[in-house]
C-alpha atoms as a PDB file:
ATOM      1  CA  MET A   1      11.025  33.847 -16.783  1.00  0.00           C
ATOM      2  CA  SER A   2       8.252  33.847 -14.244  1.00  0.00           C
ATOM      3  CA  ASP A   3       8.073  36.122 -11.218  1.00  0.00           C
ATOM      4  CA  ASP A   4       8.957  33.327  -8.773  1.00  0.00           C
ATOM      5  CA  PRO A   5      11.368  30.997 -10.608  1.00  0.00           C
ATOM      6  CA  GLN A   6      11.983  28.825  -7.544  1.00  0.00           C
ATOM      7  CA  LEU A   7       8.325  27.750  -7.607  1.00  0.00           C
ATOM      8  CA  ARG A   8       8.697  26.455 -11.141  1.00  0.00           C
ATOM      9  CA  ALA A   9      12.083  24.708 -10.812  1.00  0.00           C
ATOM     10  CA  TYR A  10      13.799  27.608 -12.612  1.00  0.00           C
ATOM     11  CA  LEU A  11      12.105  26.721 -15.911  1.00  0.00           C
ATOM     12  CA  CYS A  12      10.848  29.229 -18.425  1.00  0.00           C
ATOM     13  CA  ASP A  13       7.091  29.577 -18.847  1.00  0.00           C
ATOM     14  CA  GLU A  14       7.080  27.570 -22.106  1.00  0.00           C
ATOM     15  CA  CYS A  15       9.032  24.686 -20.578  1.00  0.00           C
ATOM     16  CA  TRP A  16       6.870  24.700 -17.458  1.00  0.00           C
ATOM     17  CA  GLY A  17       3.728  24.538 -19.579  1.00  0.00           C
ATOM     18  CA  SER A  18       5.048  21.688 -21.732  1.00  0.00           C
ATOM     19  CA  ILE A  19       5.731  19.204 -18.902  1.00  0.00           C
ATOM     20  CA  PRO A  20       2.812  17.135 -17.550  1.00  0.00           C
ATOM     21  CA  HIS A  21       1.345  18.170 -14.196  1.00  0.00           C
ATOM     22  CA  PHE A  22      -0.429  15.766 -11.899  1.00  0.00           C
ATOM     23  CA  ARG A  23      -2.784  16.778  -9.146  1.00  0.00           C
ATOM     24  CA  VAL A  24      -4.090  14.630  -6.304  1.00  0.00           C
ATOM     25  CA  GLY A  25      -7.763  15.153  -5.566  1.00  0.00           C
ATOM     26  CA  SER A  26      -8.289  13.591  -2.175  1.00  0.00           C
ATOM     27  CA  LEU A  27      -6.236  11.121  -0.214  1.00  0.00           C
ATOM     28  CA  GLN A  28      -7.837   7.901   0.952  1.00  0.00           C
ATOM     29  CA  LYS A  29      -6.985   6.548   4.365  1.00  0.00           C
ATOM     30  CA  ARG A  30      -5.247   3.208   4.305  1.00  0.00           C
ATOM     31  CA  LYS A  31      -6.786   0.373   6.211  1.00  0.00           C
ATOM     32  CA  LYS A  32      -4.447  -1.575   8.424  1.00  0.00           C
ATOM     33  CA  ILE A  33      -4.337  -5.258   7.638  1.00  0.00           C
ATOM     34  CA  ILE A  34      -4.033  -7.304  10.787  1.00  0.00           C
ATOM     35  CA  LYS A  35      -3.091 -10.917  10.276  1.00  0.00           C
ATOM     36  CA  LYS A  36      -3.701 -13.508  12.903  1.00  0.00           C
ATOM     37  CA  ASP A  37      -0.488 -15.001  14.137  1.00  0.00           C
ATOM     38  CA  GLU A  38      -1.140 -18.694  13.858  1.00  0.00           C
ATOM     39  CA  GLY A  39       2.284 -19.610  15.175  1.00  0.00           C
ATOM     40  CA  TYR A  40       4.551 -22.343  13.918  1.00  0.00           C
ATOM     41  CA  THR A  41       3.689 -25.975  13.352  1.00  0.00           C
ATOM     42  CA  TRP A  42       5.746 -28.801  14.822  1.00  0.00           C
ATOM     43  CA  GLY A  43       6.991 -29.676  11.348  1.00  0.00           C
ATOM     44  CA  GLN A  44       8.332 -26.162  10.809  1.00  0.00           C
ATOM     45  CA  ILE A  45      10.032 -26.193  14.205  1.00  0.00           C
ATOM     46  CA  ALA A  46      11.620 -29.589  13.460  1.00  0.00           C
ATOM     47  CA  LEU A  47      12.898 -28.487  10.028  1.00  0.00           C
ATOM     48  CA  TYR A  48      14.308 -25.256  11.451  1.00  0.00           C
ATOM     49  CA  THR A  49      16.063 -27.149  14.256  1.00  0.00           C
ATOM     50  CA  LEU A  50      17.411 -29.748  11.829  1.00  0.00           C
ATOM     51  CA  GLY A  51      18.763 -27.033   9.551  1.00  0.00           C
ATOM     52  CA  ASN A  52      20.487 -25.300  12.452  1.00  0.00           C
ATOM     53  CA  LEU A  53      22.033 -28.562  13.612  1.00  0.00           C
ATOM     54  CA  CYS A  54      23.339 -29.284  10.101  1.00  0.00           C
ATOM     55  CA  CYS A  55      24.968 -25.855   9.985  1.00  0.00           C
ATOM     56  CA  LEU A  56      26.563 -26.410  13.378  1.00  0.00           C
ATOM     57  CA  VAL A  57      27.914 -29.803  12.288  1.00  0.00           C
ATOM     58  CA  VAL A  58      29.515 -28.274   9.183  1.00  0.00           C
ATOM     59  CA  ILE A  59      31.027 -25.425  11.206  1.00  0.00           C
ATOM     60  CA  GLY A  60      32.316 -27.846  13.841  1.00  0.00           C
ATOM     61  CA  TYR A  61      33.810 -30.095  11.175  1.00  0.00           C
ATOM     62  CA  TYR A  62      35.764 -27.251   9.612  1.00  0.00           C
ATOM     63  CA  LEU A  63      36.905 -25.837  12.958  1.00  0.00           C
ATOM     64  CA  TRP A  64      38.078 -29.004  14.691  1.00  0.00           C
ATOM     65  CA  LEU A  65      38.866 -31.549  11.991  1.00  0.00           C
ATOM     66  CA  LYS A  66      40.341 -29.469   9.172  1.00  0.00           C
END
């Protein structure tokens, strides 16, 4: 066993040498991607509203008529 087993995950020297080791050279800074918010089109707003109204009709049907 090595002198500091906690530094080598309590593995023997042969086991520690047999597993692959990866080393990171230098870290690159990530660039932030900023997208322009183009907003919603009238078609998207209409479809969203229509979908919500359909859901409300189905819920109302099951609550009041069934």
